[in-house]
Amino acid sequence: MLRTVVLVFVAALVLAANTIKPVAATSSQPLNVDRQSQSILDAVAAKLRNTPWLVAKFTAISNAYDPKAKVWSPSDPQAGEVDLGKPNLVYVHSWSVHQKAQGTPAIPVPGSDAFEYCDGTTEWDYWDQKRKYYSKNTMLDTPSYSMANISHLKSFFDQNPHFADLAGWPSATQIHYVGTSKWNGADYRVLNASGRDVEGGVTIDDDTRVYIGSDNLPHRVVTHAKYSDGSIYEDDFQLTTLQTPASLPAHLFVFTPPPGATQKDN
């Protein structure tokens, strides 16, 4: 159930204009949402529906605990930039970063760059370390292939935005308002989504907090997942900058294979 910018987690709860309904949650329990959370989610849905363009920079930090080895194993943080345009335009550039020590500057890891594009009809993924290979898919509905690395923003394209796209977990059974929290120099309203899921016979208790800004957009998602086998997974997905410009040039969303690049079988 990894929720970093390098893996997909798809939604199963539909956030409609005045209600949230679990349409395919794996949990059999009903979804409970307090009144204040519902009001905030309604505002988020309205904002997402009425935002035609979005530009952001992001980071994702993940950490996993192995109960057998009894050690924490942090992964290299991910960073990136994204441009989105409705109804179906995507540009994502992501890379790994490394810090020699806490508090030191994060340095991009050479060869870790990955690129995703969607021009409205075709999606491309360009990821090879030597930048020789790319894959190409015909878009069937809304962008999905090119949104794999930023699935927290998937609800940008939905007419009825998915709350689980914000929280990153389709099986939440409780959503409640936590209060306000200061982060990155600003105050955010914080919603907590919690619940239980089962994967491969392992029970997962998940607790996810979504930070909603004064612009009614999600800026941060912090996840803590505890597995019945003793494993723990933590993830902190942050939109370090977030803008909604009046427009973006079309050429941003078109991929032109560089000289020598060949298409890899999908």
Foldseek 3Di string as FASTA:
>chain_A
DDDALQAAFDAQWFAALQDIARRDAPDPAAADEDPVRSVLSNLLLVLLLPFFKKKFKKKKWKWKADPVVRDIDTDFIKIWIWIDGPQAWIKIKMFGWDDPDPPGDTHTDQLQIWIWFDLPFKIKIQGGSVRAEIAIDTDDDHDDVRCGSPQLCVLSNPNRRGPCSVQVHHHFRYKYWDQWDDDPRAIWTKIWTWDWDADPNKIKTKIKIWTAHPSSHTFKIWIWIAIPVGMIMIMIMGGNDMDRDPDDDSVSRDDDRDPNHDYDDD
